């Protein structure tokens, strides 16, 4: 999937975003845009909270 420019323009992640804001933003981003992979640290935190499924890639 390509960059969803409109979504990015409407959903800017603040530089001082809290962990909760970052988690929410990355979940929404993954659903709306396929421009890049989710950062490993975010993916692991979401998995630990049971918000996304563990993948073979995340077990490395």
C-alpha atoms as a PDB file:
ATOM      1  CA  UNK A   1       0.000   0.000   0.000  1.00  0.00           C
ATOM      2  CA  UNK A   2       1.245   3.489  -0.776  1.00  0.00           C
ATOM      3  CA  UNK A   3       1.415   6.616   1.329  1.00  0.00           C
ATOM      4  CA  UNK A   4      -1.976   7.986   2.341  1.00  0.00           C
ATOM      5  CA  UNK A   5      -1.058  11.677   2.117  1.00  0.00           C
ATOM      6  CA  UNK A   6      -4.455  12.936   3.259  1.00  0.00           C
ATOM      7  CA  UNK A   7      -4.371  10.800   6.407  1.00  0.00           C
ATOM      8  CA  UNK A   8      -0.853  11.983   7.265  1.00  0.00           C
ATOM      9  CA  UNK A   9      -1.823  15.621   6.844  1.00  0.00           C
ATOM     10  CA  UNK A  10      -4.787  15.206   9.191  1.00  0.00           C
ATOM     11  CA  UNK A  11      -3.028  13.021  11.779  1.00  0.00           C
ATOM     12  CA  UNK A  12       0.284  14.508  12.824  1.00  0.00           C
ATOM     13  CA  UNK A  13       2.065  12.810  15.708  1.00  0.00           C
ATOM     14  CA  UNK A  14       3.335  15.477  18.133  1.00  0.00           C
ATOM     15  CA  UNK A  15       7.069  15.446  18.892  1.00  0.00           C
ATOM     16  CA  UNK A  16       6.248  15.290  22.594  1.00  0.00           C
ATOM     17  CA  UNK A  17       3.677  12.501  22.252  1.00  0.00           C
ATOM     18  CA  UNK A  18       3.241  10.210  25.231  1.00  0.00           C
ATOM     19  CA  UNK A  19       3.599   6.455  24.835  1.00  0.00           C
ATOM     20  CA  UNK A  20      -0.205   6.140  24.841  1.00  0.00           C
ATOM     21  CA  UNK A  21      -0.508   8.722  22.055  1.00  0.00           C
ATOM     22  CA  UNK A  22       2.203   6.972  20.055  1.00  0.00           C
ATOM     23  CA  UNK A  23       0.497   3.591  20.430  1.00  0.00           C
ATOM     24  CA  UNK A  24      -2.855   5.028  19.335  1.00  0.00           C
ATOM     25  CA  UNK A  25      -1.272   6.855  16.395  1.00  0.00           C
ATOM     26  CA  UNK A  26       0.600   3.785  15.147  1.00  0.00           C
ATOM     27  CA  UNK A  27      -2.505   1.581  15.390  1.00  0.00           C
ATOM     28  CA  UNK A  28      -4.497   4.122  13.381  1.00  0.00           C
ATOM     29  CA  UNK A  29      -1.616   4.542  10.938  1.00  0.00           C
ATOM     30  CA  UNK A  30      -1.350   0.807  10.318  1.00  0.00           C
ATOM     31  CA  UNK A  31      -5.078   0.702   9.511  1.00  0.00           C
ATOM     32  CA  UNK A  32      -5.041   3.748   7.217  1.00  0.00           C
ATOM     33  CA  UNK A  33      -1.661   3.785   5.511  1.00  0.00           C
ATOM     34  CA  UNK A  34       0.948   1.304   4.358  1.00  0.00           C
ATOM     35  CA  UNK A  35       3.867   3.632   3.818  1.00  0.00           C
ATOM     36  CA  UNK A  36       6.147   1.921   6.342  1.00  0.00           C
ATOM     37  CA  UNK A  37       6.379  -0.773   8.987  1.00  0.00           C
ATOM     38  CA  UNK A  38       5.528  -0.072  12.600  1.00  0.00           C
ATOM     39  CA  UNK A  39       8.628   0.533  14.752  1.00  0.00           C
ATOM     40  CA  UNK A  40       9.719  -2.582  16.615  1.00  0.00           C
ATOM     41  CA  UNK A  41       9.415  -0.946  20.041  1.00  0.00           C
ATOM     42  CA  UNK A  42       5.812   0.096  19.328  1.00  0.00           C
ATOM     43  CA  UNK A  43       4.907  -3.317  17.887  1.00  0.00           C
ATOM     44  CA  UNK A  44       6.328  -5.124  20.932  1.00  0.00           C
ATOM     45  CA  UNK A  45       4.444  -2.856  23.357  1.00  0.00           C
ATOM     46  CA  UNK A  46       1.178  -3.412  21.467  1.00  0.00           C
ATOM     47  CA  UNK A  47       1.778  -7.170  21.512  1.00  0.00           C
ATOM     48  CA  UNK A  48       2.524  -7.102  25.251  1.00  0.00           C
ATOM     49  CA  UNK A  49      -0.781  -5.317  25.827  1.00  0.00           C
ATOM     50  CA  UNK A  50      -2.629  -7.820  23.645  1.00  0.00           C
ATOM     51  CA  UNK A  51      -3.663  -5.149  21.147  1.00  0.00           C
ATOM     52  CA  UNK A  52      -2.066  -6.899  18.158  1.00  0.00           C
ATOM     53  CA  UNK A  53      -1.101 -10.519  17.545  1.00  0.00           C
ATOM     54  CA  UNK A  54       2.429 -11.776  17.985  1.00  0.00           C
ATOM     55  CA  UNK A  55       4.087 -12.421  14.617  1.00  0.00           C
ATOM     56  CA  UNK A  56       7.081 -14.594  13.731  1.00  0.00           C
ATOM     57  CA  UNK A  57       9.008 -11.416  12.916  1.00  0.00           C
ATOM     58  CA  UNK A  58       8.426  -9.991  16.397  1.00  0.00           C
ATOM     59  CA  UNK A  59       9.821 -13.135  18.045  1.00  0.00           C
ATOM     60  CA  UNK A  60      13.317 -12.564  16.614  1.00  0.00           C
END
